[in-house]
């Protein structure tokens, strides 16, 4: 009887770090997806007259590049990853970028 309890404890101790890693990775990836969705929503409201974007949730960088037919607006926001080792995949900090081309020659 005693061996069964000890075996279950050893198995739990071996699996616990893997479960913690999976939960933390799920949380980080969810945060990145939420940030990407938020940036896309903000970008949907951007037009050529936008000088800056005020946002209380994330620090957003705004870049504008102009070429012949339009202007490319790029939003970028970064997030510190808390899962050990996941920063090797996403970078440190993990950044999300989204862009949109606005036709400035509209009449």
Protein backbone atom coordinates (compact mmCIF):
# COMPACT_ATOMS: atom_id res chain seq x y z
CA UNK A 1 0.00 0.00 0.00
CA UNK A 2 2.73 2.45 0.92
CA UNK A 3 4.51 2.09 -2.42
CA UNK A 4 1.42 3.22 -4.38
CA UNK A 5 1.21 6.53 -2.52
CA UNK A 6 4.90 7.19 -3.00
CA UNK A 7 4.66 6.32 -6.69
CA UNK A 8 1.81 8.78 -7.23
CA UNK A 9 3.76 11.51 -5.44
CA UNK A 10 6.85 10.93 -7.58
CA UNK A 11 4.77 10.99 -10.78
CA UNK A 12 3.10 14.22 -9.70
CA UNK A 13 6.44 15.86 -8.91
CA UNK A 14 7.78 14.85 -12.33
CA UNK A 15 4.75 16.17 -14.24
CA UNK A 16 4.19 19.39 -12.24
CA UNK A 17 6.90 21.51 -13.99
CA UNK A 18 5.55 20.51 -17.40
CA UNK A 19 2.01 21.47 -16.38
CA UNK A 20 3.19 24.82 -15.00
CA UNK A 21 5.09 25.53 -18.23
CA UNK A 22 2.02 24.72 -20.34
CA UNK A 23 -0.24 26.97 -18.23
CA UNK A 24 2.22 29.89 -18.33
CA UNK A 25 2.76 29.47 -22.09
CA UNK A 26 -1.02 29.47 -22.60
CA UNK A 27 -1.33 32.70 -20.61
CA UNK A 28 1.49 34.41 -22.55
CA UNK A 29 0.16 33.36 -25.94
CA UNK A 30 -3.33 34.50 -24.93
CA UNK A 31 -1.97 37.92 -23.91
CA UNK A 32 -0.20 38.26 -27.26
CA UNK A 33 -3.37 37.34 -29.16
CA UNK A 34 -5.42 39.84 -27.14
CA UNK A 35 -2.82 42.54 -27.83
CA UNK A 36 -2.85 41.75 -31.57
CA UNK A 37 -6.66 41.97 -31.64
CA UNK A 38 -6.55 45.28 -29.75
CA UNK A 39 -3.99 46.74 -32.17
CA UNK A 40 -6.11 45.69 -35.14
CA UNK A 41 -9.16 47.38 -33.59
CA UNK A 42 -7.18 50.58 -33.00
CA UNK A 43 -5.77 50.43 -36.53
CA UNK A 44 -9.26 50.15 -38.01
CA UNK A 45 -9.99 53.66 -36.70
CA UNK A 46 -6.76 55.24 -37.95
CA UNK A 47 -6.87 57.62 -40.91
CA UNK A 48 -4.33 59.89 -42.60
CA UNK A 49 -4.99 62.74 -40.13
CA UNK A 50 -3.98 60.72 -37.09
CA UNK A 51 -1.01 62.30 -35.35
CA UNK A 52 -0.81 60.06 -32.31
CA UNK A 53 -2.83 57.35 -30.67
CA UNK A 54 -3.80 57.49 -27.04
CA UNK A 55 -4.15 54.11 -25.46
CA UNK A 56 -4.43 53.22 -21.80
CA UNK A 57 -3.85 49.48 -22.14
CA UNK A 58 -0.66 49.13 -24.14
CA UNK A 59 2.27 51.32 -25.09
CA UNK A 60 1.84 51.66 -28.85
CA UNK A 61 4.41 52.90 -31.33
CA UNK A 62 3.06 54.61 -34.47
CA UNK A 63 5.10 54.72 -37.68
CA UNK A 64 4.01 56.34 -40.93
CA UNK A 65 5.71 55.66 -44.25
CA UNK A 66 4.53 57.50 -47.36
CA UNK A 67 5.04 56.36 -50.93
CA UNK A 68 3.36 57.16 -54.27
CA UNK A 69 -0.20 56.02 -53.75
CA UNK A 70 -0.65 55.78 -50.05
CA UNK A 71 0.60 55.85 -46.54
CA UNK A 72 1.47 52.78 -44.52
CA UNK A 73 0.58 53.07 -40.85
CA UNK A 74 2.23 50.54 -38.56
CA UNK A 75 1.35 49.93 -34.92
CA UNK A 76 3.67 48.00 -32.65
CA UNK A 77 3.38 47.01 -29.02
CA UNK A 78 5.63 44.80 -26.87
CA UNK A 79 4.98 42.53 -23.90
CA UNK A 80 7.36 40.90 -21.43
CA UNK A 81 7.01 37.11 -21.59
CA UNK A 82 6.85 35.40 -18.19
CA UNK A 83 7.24 31.78 -19.37
CA UNK A 84 10.85 30.58 -19.07
CA UNK A 85 12.26 29.70 -22.49
CA UNK A 86 9.36 31.16 -24.46
CA UNK A 87 11.31 34.38 -24.97
CA UNK A 88 13.67 32.36 -27.21
CA UNK A 89 10.72 31.75 -29.55
CA UNK A 90 8.92 35.10 -29.40
CA UNK A 91 11.86 37.36 -28.55
CA UNK A 92 12.46 39.41 -25.46
CA UNK A 93 10.21 41.37 -25.24
CA UNK A 94 7.65 39.75 -27.52
CA UNK A 95 6.38 42.37 -29.99
CA UNK A 96 3.18 42.40 -32.00
CA UNK A 97 2.98 44.49 -35.16
CA UNK A 98 0.09 45.29 -37.44
CA UNK A 99 -0.07 47.66 -40.41
CA UNK A 100 -2.52 49.25 -42.78
CA UNK A 101 -2.14 51.14 -46.07
CA UNK A 102 -4.26 54.28 -46.39
CA UNK A 103 -4.94 55.77 -49.80
CA UNK A 104 -4.08 59.47 -49.41
CA UNK A 105 -5.19 60.34 -52.95
CA UNK A 106 -8.90 59.79 -52.20
CA UNK A 107 -11.24 62.36 -53.63
